[in-house]
Amino acid sequence: LGLLGTVRLSFGVYNTEDDVERVRAALATVRPGQWT
């Protein structure tokens, strides 16, 4: 695929759309170099 890697979200029966919203909000604030 020409990718170094991916970020994988994988869901179970106990997950909800609140979990999805938390992911969206966190991804909206991610910046390069924060954790390297």
PDB file of all heavy atoms in Angstrom:
ATOM      1  N   LEU A   1       0.814  -1.211   0.000  1.00  0.00           N
ATOM      2  CA  LEU A   1       0.000   0.000   0.000  1.00  0.00           C
ATOM      3  C   LEU A   1       0.852   1.268   0.000  1.00  0.00           C
ATOM      4  O   LEU A   1       0.322   2.371  -0.169  1.00  0.00           O
ATOM      5  CB  LEU A   1      -0.926   0.013   1.222  1.00  0.00           C
ATOM      6  CG  LEU A   1      -2.019  -1.057   1.287  1.00  0.00           C
ATOM      7  CD1 LEU A   1      -2.750  -0.990   2.620  1.00  0.00           C
ATOM      8  CD2 LEU A   1      -3.004  -0.903   0.130  1.00  0.00           C
ATOM      9  N   GLY A   2       2.163   1.126   0.219  1.00  0.00           N
ATOM     10  CA  GLY A   2       3.047   2.280   0.271  1.00  0.00           C
ATOM     11  C   GLY A   2       2.896   3.078   1.545  1.00  0.00           C
ATOM     12  O   GLY A   2       3.139   4.297   1.559  1.00  0.00           O
ATOM     13  N   LEU A   3       2.529   2.403   2.637  1.00  0.00           N
ATOM     14  CA  LEU A   3       2.287   3.088   3.902  1.00  0.00           C
ATOM     15  C   LEU A   3       3.274   2.621   4.966  1.00  0.00           C
ATOM     16  O   LEU A   3       3.606   1.429   5.044  1.00  0.00           O
ATOM     17  CB  LEU A   3       0.863   2.807   4.390  1.00  0.00           C
ATOM     18  CG  LEU A   3      -0.274   3.336   3.508  1.00  0.00           C
ATOM     19  CD1 LEU A   3      -1.613   2.851   4.047  1.00  0.00           C
ATOM     20  CD2 LEU A   3      -0.250   4.861   3.450  1.00  0.00           C
ATOM     21  N   LEU A   4       3.712   3.559   5.791  1.00  0.00           N
ATOM     22  CA  LEU A   4       4.553   3.226   6.935  1.00  0.00           C
ATOM     23  C   LEU A   4       3.754   2.473   7.991  1.00  0.00           C
ATOM     24  O   LEU A   4       4.273   1.628   8.719  1.00  0.00           O
ATOM     25  CB  LEU A   4       5.131   4.512   7.534  1.00  0.00           C
ATOM     26  CG  LEU A   4       6.093   4.368   8.706  1.00  0.00           C
ATOM     27  CD1 LEU A   4       7.371   3.672   8.241  1.00  0.00           C
ATOM     28  CD2 LEU A   4       6.430   5.747   9.280  1.00  0.00           C
ATOM     29  N   GLY A   5       2.486   2.766   8.064  1.00  0.00           N
ATOM     30  CA  GLY A   5       1.593   2.132   9.027  1.00  0.00           C
ATOM     31  C   GLY A   5       0.254   2.854   9.004  1.00  0.00           C
ATOM     32  O   GLY A   5       0.064   3.819   8.268  1.00  0.00           O
ATOM     33  N   THR A   6      -0.673   2.369   9.815  1.00  0.00           N
ATOM     34  CA  THR A   6      -1.972   3.032   9.942  1.00  0.00           C
ATOM     35  C   THR A   6      -2.360   3.124  11.413  1.00  0.00           C
ATOM     36  O   THR A   6      -1.770   2.481  12.274  1.00  0.00           O
ATOM     37  CB  THR A   6      -3.090   2.267   9.187  1.00  0.00           C
ATOM     38  OG1 THR A   6      -3.397   1.055   9.897  1.00  0.00           O
ATOM     39  CG2 THR A   6      -2.705   1.960   7.756  1.00  0.00           C
ATOM     40  N   VAL A   7      -3.368   3.927  11.644  1.00  0.00           N
ATOM     41  CA  VAL A   7      -4.033   3.986  12.950  1.00  0.00           C
ATOM     42  C   VAL A   7      -5.333   3.203  12.794  1.00  0.00           C
ATOM     43  O   VAL A   7      -6.165   3.537  11.955  1.00  0.00           O
ATOM     44  CB  VAL A   7      -4.326   5.442  13.357  1.00  0.00           C
ATOM     45  CG1 VAL A   7      -5.076   5.481  14.687  1.00  0.00           C
ATOM     46  CG2 VAL A   7      -3.026   6.234  13.430  1.00  0.00           C
ATOM     47  N   ARG A   8      -5.486   2.144  13.581  1.00  0.00           N
ATOM     48  CA  ARG A   8      -6.627   1.249  13.401  1.00  0.00           C
ATOM     49  C   ARG A   8      -7.642   1.415  14.532  1.00  0.00           C
ATOM     50  O   ARG A   8      -7.322   1.205  15.695  1.00  0.00           O
ATOM     51  CB  ARG A   8      -6.142  -0.205  13.356  1.00  0.00           C
ATOM     52  CG  ARG A   8      -7.241  -1.206  13.048  1.00  0.00           C
ATOM     53  CD  ARG A   8      -6.704  -2.625  13.077  1.00  0.00           C
ATOM     54  NE  ARG A   8      -6.345  -3.042  14.427  1.00  0.00           N
ATOM     55  CZ  ARG A   8      -5.703  -4.176  14.712  1.00  0.00           C
ATOM     56  NH1 ARG A   8      -5.325  -4.985  13.736  1.00  0.00           N
ATOM     57  NH2 ARG A   8      -5.430  -4.488  15.970  1.00  0.00           N
ATOM     58  N   LEU A   9      -8.855   1.786  14.144  1.00  0.00           N
ATOM     59  CA  LEU A   9      -9.980   1.789  15.076  1.00  0.00           C
ATOM     60  C   LEU A   9     -10.726   0.476  14.865  1.00  0.00           C
ATOM     61  O   LEU A   9     -11.108   0.151  13.748  1.00  0.00           O
ATOM     62  CB  LEU A   9     -10.936   2.947  14.785  1.00  0.00           C
ATOM     63  CG  LEU A   9     -10.334   4.316  14.459  1.00  0.00           C
ATOM     64  CD1 LEU A   9     -11.449   5.305  14.121  1.00  0.00           C
ATOM     65  CD2 LEU A   9      -9.490   4.822  15.606  1.00  0.00           C
ATOM     66  N   SER A  10     -10.925  -0.270  15.924  1.00  0.00           N
ATOM     67  CA  SER A  10     -11.657  -1.535  15.784  1.00  0.00           C
ATOM     68  C   SER A  10     -12.691  -1.627  16.903  1.00  0.00           C
ATOM     69  O   SER A  10     -12.397  -1.393  18.072  1.00  0.00           O
ATOM     70  CB  SER A  10     -10.709  -2.728  15.806  1.00  0.00           C
ATOM     71  OG  SER A  10      -9.867  -2.734  16.945  1.00  0.00           O
ATOM     72  N   PHE A  11     -13.919  -1.969  16.514  1.00  0.00           N
ATOM     73  CA  PHE A  11     -15.075  -1.819  17.387  1.00  0.00           C
ATOM     74  C   PHE A  11     -15.561  -3.155  17.954  1.00  0.00           C
ATOM     75  O   PHE A  11     -15.441  -4.206  17.318  1.00  0.00           O
ATOM     76  CB  PHE A  11     -16.215  -1.153  16.615  1.00  0.00           C
ATOM     77  CG  PHE A  11     -15.862   0.220  16.116  1.00  0.00           C
ATOM     78  CD1 PHE A  11     -15.513   0.428  14.784  1.00  0.00           C
ATOM     79  CD2 PHE A  11     -15.852   1.303  16.976  1.00  0.00           C
ATOM     80  CE1 PHE A  11     -15.176   1.685  14.317  1.00  0.00           C
ATOM     81  CE2 PHE A  11     -15.509   2.567  16.525  1.00  0.00           C
ATOM     82  CZ  PHE A  11     -15.168   2.761  15.192  1.00  0.00           C
ATOM     83  N   GLY A  12     -16.135  -3.056  19.158  1.00  0.00           N
ATOM     84  CA  GLY A  12     -16.765  -4.190  19.818  1.00  0.00           C
ATOM     85  C   GLY A  12     -18.207  -3.878  20.153  1.00  0.00           C
ATOM     86  O   GLY A  12     -18.697  -2.765  19.928  1.00  0.00           O
ATOM     87  N   VAL A  13     -18.884  -4.864  20.731  1.00  0.00           N
ATOM     88  CA  VAL A  13     -20.318  -4.697  21.003  1.00  0.00           C
ATOM     89  C   VAL A  13     -20.593  -3.613  22.031  1.00  0.00           C
ATOM     90  O   VAL A  13     -21.709  -3.073  22.089  1.00  0.00           O
ATOM     91  CB  VAL A  13     -20.950  -6.033  21.472  1.00  0.00           C
ATOM     92  CG1 VAL A  13     -20.913  -7.062  20.369  1.00  0.00           C
ATOM     93  CG2 VAL A  13     -20.285  -6.563  22.747  1.00  0.00           C
ATOM     94  N   TYR A  14     -19.610  -3.273  22.862  1.00  0.00           N
ATOM     95  CA  TYR A  14     -19.803  -2.280  23.923  1.00  0.00           C
ATOM     96  C   TYR A  14     -19.467  -0.866  23.480  1.00  0.00           C
ATOM     97  O   TYR A  14     -19.638   0.081  24.242  1.00  0.00           O
ATOM     98  CB  TYR A  14     -18.950  -2.651  25.139  1.00  0.00           C
ATOM     99  CG  TYR A  14     -17.641  -3.301  24.802  1.00  0.00           C
ATOM    100  CD1 TYR A  14     -16.631  -2.615  24.132  1.00  0.00           C
ATOM    101  CD2 TYR A  14     -17.423  -4.636  25.118  1.00  0.00           C
ATOM    102  CE1 TYR A  14     -15.450  -3.227  23.797  1.00  0.00           C
ATOM    103  CE2 TYR A  14     -16.238  -5.262  24.783  1.00  0.00           C
ATOM    104  CZ  TYR A  14     -15.253  -4.557  24.126  1.00  0.00           C
ATOM    105  OH  TYR A  14     -14.073  -5.173  23.783  1.00  0.00           O
ATOM    106  N   ASN A  15     -18.935  -0.694  22.291  1.00  0.00           N
ATOM    107  CA  ASN A  15     -18.599   0.660  21.819  1.00  0.00           C
ATOM    108  C   ASN A  15     -19.837   1.408  21.352  1.00  0.00           C
ATOM    109  O   ASN A  15     -20.831   0.801  20.944  1.00  0.00           O
ATOM    110  CB  ASN A  15     -17.577   0.590  20.691  1.00  0.00           C
ATOM    111  CG  ASN A  15     -16.213   0.129  21.157  1.00  0.00           C
ATOM    112  OD1 ASN A  15     -15.668  -0.838  20.646  1.00  0.00           O
ATOM    113  ND2 ASN A  15     -15.662   0.825  22.146  1.00  0.00           N
ATOM    114  N   THR A  16     -19.772   2.718  21.438  1.00  0.00           N
ATOM    115  CA  THR A  16     -20.899   3.564  21.079  1.00  0.00           C
ATOM    116  C   THR A  16     -20.423   4.715  20.199  1.00  0.00           C
ATOM    117  O   THR A  16     -19.217   4.912  19.987  1.00  0.00           O
ATOM    118  CB  THR A  16     -21.571   4.152  22.334  1.00  0.00           C
ATOM    119  OG1 THR A  16     -20.682   5.124  22.918  1.00  0.00           O
ATOM    120  CG2 THR A  16     -21.902   3.076  23.359  1.00  0.00           C
ATOM    121  N   GLU A  17     -21.361   5.500  19.724  1.00  0.00           N
ATOM    122  CA  GLU A  17     -21.013   6.673  18.924  1.00  0.00           C
ATOM    123  C   GLU A  17     -20.314   7.734  19.764  1.00  0.00           C
ATOM    124  O   GLU A  17     -19.643   8.614  19.209  1.00  0.00           O
ATOM    125  CB  GLU A  17     -22.252   7.220  18.231  1.00  0.00           C
ATOM    126  CG  GLU A  17     -22.760   6.281  17.140  1.00  0.00           C
ATOM    127  CD  GLU A  17     -23.882   6.876  16.317  1.00  0.00           C
ATOM    128  OE1 GLU A  17     -24.238   8.048  16.542  1.00  0.00           O
ATOM    129  OE2 GLU A  17     -24.407   6.164  15.436  1.00  0.00           O
ATOM    130  N   ASP A  18     -20.441   7.681  21.089  1.00  0.00           N
ATOM    131  CA  ASP A  18     -19.651   8.574  21.941  1.00  0.00           C
ATOM    132  C   ASP A  18     -18.154   8.302  21.764  1.00  0.00           C
ATOM    133  O   ASP A  18     -17.337   9.230  21.791  1.00  0.00           O
ATOM    134  CB  ASP A  18     -20.038   8.392  23.408  1.00  0.00           C
ATOM    135  CG  ASP A  18     -21.414   8.948  23.719  1.00  0.00           C
ATOM    136  OD1 ASP A  18     -21.926   9.759  22.910  1.00  0.00           O
ATOM    137  OD2 ASP A  18     -21.986   8.566  24.756  1.00  0.00           O
ATOM    138  N   ASP A  19     -17.785   7.021  21.600  1.00  0.00           N
ATOM    139  CA  ASP A  19     -16.381   6.681  21.344  1.00  0.00           C
ATOM    140  C   ASP A  19     -15.924   7.273  20.019  1.00  0.00           C
ATOM    141  O   ASP A  19     -14.797   7.781  19.908  1.00  0.00           O
ATOM    142  CB  ASP A  19     -16.203   5.159  21.318  1.00  0.00           C
ATOM    143  CG  ASP A  19     -16.513   4.506  22.651  1.00  0.00           C
ATOM    144  OD1 ASP A  19     -16.098   5.071  23.686  1.00  0.00           O
ATOM    145  OD2 ASP A  19     -17.162   3.446  22.664  1.00  0.00           O
ATOM    146  N   VAL A  20     -16.773   7.198  19.022  1.00  0.00           N
ATOM    147  CA  VAL A  20     -16.446   7.767  17.717  1.00  0.00           C
ATOM    148  C   VAL A  20     -16.234   9.270  17.815  1.00  0.00           C
ATOM    149  O   VAL A  20     -15.288   9.830  17.251  1.00  0.00           O
ATOM    150  CB  VAL A  20     -17.545   7.445  16.686  1.00  0.00           C
ATOM    151  CG1 VAL A  20     -17.304   8.190  15.380  1.00  0.00           C
ATOM    152  CG2 VAL A  20     -17.633   5.946  16.442  1.00  0.00           C
ATOM    153  N   GLU A  21     -17.082   9.953  18.553  1.00  0.00           N
ATOM    154  CA  GLU A  21     -16.957  11.403  18.710  1.00  0.00           C
ATOM    155  C   GLU A  21     -15.674  11.759  19.446  1.00  0.00           C
ATOM    156  O   GLU A  21     -15.014  12.752  19.115  1.00  0.00           O
ATOM    157  CB  GLU A  21     -18.161  11.950  19.467  1.00  0.00           C
ATOM    158  CG  GLU A  21     -18.063  13.419  19.875  1.00  0.00           C
ATOM    159  CD  GLU A  21     -17.745  14.362  18.712  1.00  0.00           C
ATOM    160  OE1 GLU A  21     -18.084  14.041  17.553  1.00  0.00           O
ATOM    161  OE2 GLU A  21     -17.159  15.428  18.974  1.00  0.00           O
ATOM    162  N   ARG A  22     -15.279  10.955  20.414  1.00  0.00           N
ATOM    163  CA  ARG A  22     -14.034  11.227  21.127  1.00  0.00           C
ATOM    164  C   ARG A  22     -12.841  11.102  20.178  1.00  0.00           C
ATOM    165  O   ARG A  22     -11.887  11.891  20.247  1.00  0.00           O
ATOM    166  CB  ARG A  22     -13.877  10.270  22.311  1.00  0.00           C
ATOM    167  CG  ARG A  22     -12.655  10.564  23.165  1.00  0.00           C
ATOM    168  CD  ARG A  22     -12.552   9.630  24.352  1.00  0.00           C
ATOM    169  NE  ARG A  22     -13.503   9.985  25.402  1.00  0.00           N
ATOM    170  CZ  ARG A  22     -13.645   9.296  26.527  1.00  0.00           C
ATOM    171  NH1 ARG A  22     -12.932   8.213  26.733  1.00  0.00           N
ATOM    172  NH2 ARG A  22     -14.520   9.684  27.439  1.00  0.00           N
ATOM    173  N   VAL A  23     -12.869  10.130  19.289  1.00  0.00           N
ATOM    174  CA  VAL A  23     -11.814   9.990  18.282  1.00  0.00           C
ATOM    175  C   VAL A  23     -11.778  11.213  17.378  1.00  0.00           C
ATOM    176  O   VAL A  23     -10.710  11.782  17.105  1.00  0.00           O
ATOM    177  CB  VAL A  23     -12.033   8.711  17.438  1.00  0.00           C
ATOM    178  CG1 VAL A  23     -11.084   8.693  16.237  1.00  0.00           C
ATOM    179  CG2 VAL A  23     -11.826   7.468  18.282  1.00  0.00           C
ATOM    180  N   ARG A  24     -12.943  11.619  16.896  1.00  0.00           N
ATOM    181  CA  ARG A  24     -13.000  12.773  15.998  1.00  0.00           C
ATOM    182  C   ARG A  24     -12.415  14.012  16.658  1.00  0.00           C
ATOM    183  O   ARG A  24     -11.604  14.744  16.060  1.00  0.00           O
ATOM    184  CB  ARG A  24     -14.450  13.043  15.575  1.00  0.00           C
ATOM    185  CG  ARG A  24     -14.590  14.113  14.492  1.00  0.00           C
ATOM    186  CD  ARG A  24     -15.934  14.809  14.564  1.00  0.00           C
ATOM    187  NE  ARG A  24     -16.114  15.522  15.832  1.00  0.00           N
ATOM    188  CZ  ARG A  24     -15.534  16.679  16.121  1.00  0.00           C
ATOM    189  NH1 ARG A  24     -14.742  17.294  15.245  1.00  0.00           N
ATOM    190  NH2 ARG A  24     -15.754  17.255  17.296  1.00  0.00           N
ATOM    191  N   ALA A  25     -12.813  14.251  17.901  1.00  0.00           N
ATOM    192  CA  ALA A  25     -12.337  15.439  18.602  1.00  0.00           C
ATOM    193  C   ALA A  25     -10.833  15.386  18.821  1.00  0.00           C
ATOM    194  O   ALA A  25     -10.129  16.409  18.692  1.00  0.00           O
ATOM    195  CB  ALA A  25     -13.069  15.570  19.938  1.00  0.00           C
ATOM    196  N   ALA A  26     -10.304  14.207  19.134  1.00  0.00           N
ATOM    197  CA  ALA A  26      -8.864  14.084  19.361  1.00  0.00           C
ATOM    198  C   ALA A  26      -8.093  14.255  18.061  1.00  0.00           C
ATOM    199  O   ALA A  26      -7.054  14.936  18.022  1.00  0.00           O
ATOM    200  CB  ALA A  26      -8.552  12.734  19.994  1.00  0.00           C
ATOM    201  N   LEU A  27      -8.575  13.676  16.975  1.00  0.00           N
ATOM    202  CA  LEU A  27      -7.884  13.805  15.697  1.00  0.00           C
ATOM    203  C   LEU A  27      -7.890  15.249  15.198  1.00  0.00           C
ATOM    204  O   LEU A  27      -6.969  15.683  14.495  1.00  0.00           O
ATOM    205  CB  LEU A  27      -8.529  12.896  14.650  1.00  0.00           C
ATOM    206  CG  LEU A  27      -8.296  11.404  14.816  1.00  0.00           C
ATOM    207  CD1 LEU A  27      -9.087  10.619  13.766  1.00  0.00           C
ATOM    208  CD2 LEU A  27      -6.808  11.056  14.728  1.00  0.00           C
ATOM    209  N   ALA A  28      -8.899  15.994  15.575  1.00  0.00           N
ATOM    210  CA  ALA A  28      -8.975  17.398  15.154  1.00  0.00           C
ATOM    211  C   ALA A  28      -7.887  18.247  15.790  1.00  0.00           C
ATOM    212  O   ALA A  28      -7.575  19.340  15.296  1.00  0.00           O
ATOM    213  CB  ALA A  28     -10.357  17.964  15.497  1.00  0.00           C
ATOM    214  N   THR A  29      -7.272  17.750  16.863  1.00  0.00           N
ATOM    215  CA  THR A  29      -6.269  18.545  17.573  1.00  0.00           C
ATOM    216  C   THR A  29      -4.868  17.957  17.494  1.00  0.00           C
ATOM    217  O   THR A  29      -3.941  18.493  18.103  1.00  0.00           O
ATOM    218  CB  THR A  29      -6.649  18.689  19.058  1.00  0.00           C
ATOM    219  OG1 THR A  29      -6.720  17.397  19.666  1.00  0.00           O
ATOM    220  CG2 THR A  29      -7.992  19.387  19.202  1.00  0.00           C
ATOM    221  N   VAL A  30      -4.674  16.862  16.755  1.00  0.00           N
ATOM    222  CA  VAL A  30      -3.346  16.255  16.674  1.00  0.00           C
ATOM    223  C   VAL A  30      -2.435  17.130  15.822  1.00  0.00           C
ATOM    224  O   VAL A  30      -2.856  17.702  14.819  1.00  0.00           O
ATOM    225  CB  VAL A  30      -3.427  14.814  16.100  1.00  0.00           C
ATOM    226  CG1 VAL A  30      -3.882  14.794  14.649  1.00  0.00           C
ATOM    227  CG2 VAL A  30      -2.091  14.099  16.276  1.00  0.00           C
ATOM    228  N   ARG A  31      -1.176  17.249  16.263  1.00  0.00           N
ATOM    229  CA  ARG A  31      -0.211  18.078  15.561  1.00  0.00           C
ATOM    230  C   ARG A  31       1.103  17.312  15.403  1.00  0.00           C
ATOM    231  O   ARG A  31       1.454  16.493  16.242  1.00  0.00           O
ATOM    232  CB  ARG A  31       0.058  19.373  16.348  1.00  0.00           C
ATOM    233  CG  ARG A  31      -1.166  20.266  16.504  1.00  0.00           C
ATOM    234  CD  ARG A  31      -1.567  20.903  15.162  1.00  0.00           C
ATOM    235  NE  ARG A  31      -2.733  21.768  15.308  1.00  0.00           N
ATOM    236  CZ  ARG A  31      -3.983  21.383  15.138  1.00  0.00           C
ATOM    237  NH1 ARG A  31      -4.250  20.103  14.853  1.00  0.00           N
ATOM    238  NH2 ARG A  31      -4.987  22.225  15.279  1.00  0.00           N
ATOM    239  N   PRO A  32       1.861  17.604  14.350  1.00  0.00           N
ATOM    240  CA  PRO A  32       3.158  16.928  14.157  1.00  0.00           C
ATOM    241  C   PRO A  32       4.102  17.197  15.325  1.00  0.00           C
ATOM    242  O   PRO A  32       4.107  18.283  15.904  1.00  0.00           O
ATOM    243  CB  PRO A  32       3.694  17.547  12.858  1.00  0.00           C
ATOM    244  CG  PRO A  32       2.498  18.124  12.168  1.00  0.00           C
ATOM    245  CD  PRO A  32       1.563  18.551  13.262  1.00  0.00           C
ATOM    246  N   GLY A  33       4.899  16.174  15.681  1.00  0.00           N
ATOM    247  CA  GLY A  33       5.975  16.360  16.648  1.00  0.00           C
ATOM    248  C   GLY A  33       5.567  16.365  18.095  1.00  0.00           C
ATOM    249  O   GLY A  33       6.403  16.571  18.972  1.00  0.00           O
ATOM    250  N   GLN A  34       4.271  16.142  18.389  1.00  0.00           N
ATOM    251  CA  GLN A  34       3.844  16.215  19.786  1.00  0.00           C
ATOM    252  C   GLN A  34       4.472  15.133  20.652  1.00  0.00           C
ATOM    253  O   GLN A  34       4.769  15.359  21.819  1.00  0.00           O
ATOM    254  CB  GLN A  34       2.323  16.073  19.858  1.00  0.00           C
ATOM    255  CG  GLN A  34       1.546  17.318  19.451  1.00  0.00           C
ATOM    256  CD  GLN A  34       0.055  17.062  19.490  1.00  0.00           C
ATOM    257  OE1 GLN A  34      -0.458  16.233  18.754  1.00  0.00           O
ATOM    258  NE2 GLN A  34      -0.641  17.759  20.361  1.00  0.00           N
ATOM    259  N   TRP A  35       4.672  13.919  20.084  1.00  0.00           N
ATOM    260  CA  TRP A  35       5.037  12.779  20.918  1.00  0.00           C
ATOM    261  C   TRP A  35       6.293  12.061  20.446  1.00  0.00           C
ATOM    262  O   TRP A  35       6.680  11.062  21.036  1.00  0.00           O
ATOM    263  CB  TRP A  35       3.895  11.762  20.928  1.00  0.00           C
ATOM    264  CG  TRP A  35       2.623  12.342  21.432  1.00  0.00           C
ATOM    265  CD1 TRP A  35       1.623  12.895  20.692  1.00  0.00           C
ATOM    266  CD2 TRP A  35       2.225  12.472  22.798  1.00  0.00           C
ATOM    267  NE1 TRP A  35       0.620  13.353  21.509  1.00  0.00           N
ATOM    268  CE2 TRP A  35       0.955  13.091  22.815  1.00  0.00           C
ATOM    269  CE3 TRP A  35       2.798  12.110  24.008  1.00  0.00           C
ATOM    270  CZ2 TRP A  35       0.264  13.365  23.985  1.00  0.00           C
ATOM    271  CZ3 TRP A  35       2.109  12.377  25.182  1.00  0.00           C
ATOM    272  CH2 TRP A  35       0.871  13.000  25.159  1.00  0.00           C
ATOM    273  N   THR A  36       6.960  12.582  19.441  1.00  0.00           N
ATOM    274  CA  THR A  36       8.049  11.840  18.827  1.00  0.00           C
ATOM    275  C   THR A  36       9.140  11.456  19.823  1.00  0.00           C
ATOM    276  O   THR A  36       9.664  10.352  19.807  1.00  0.00           O
ATOM    277  CB  THR A  36       8.668  12.651  17.676  1.00  0.00           C
ATOM    278  OG1 THR A  36       7.634  12.971  16.742  1.00  0.00           O
ATOM    279  CG2 THR A  36       9.765  11.869  16.985  1.00  0.00           C
TER     280      THR A  36
END
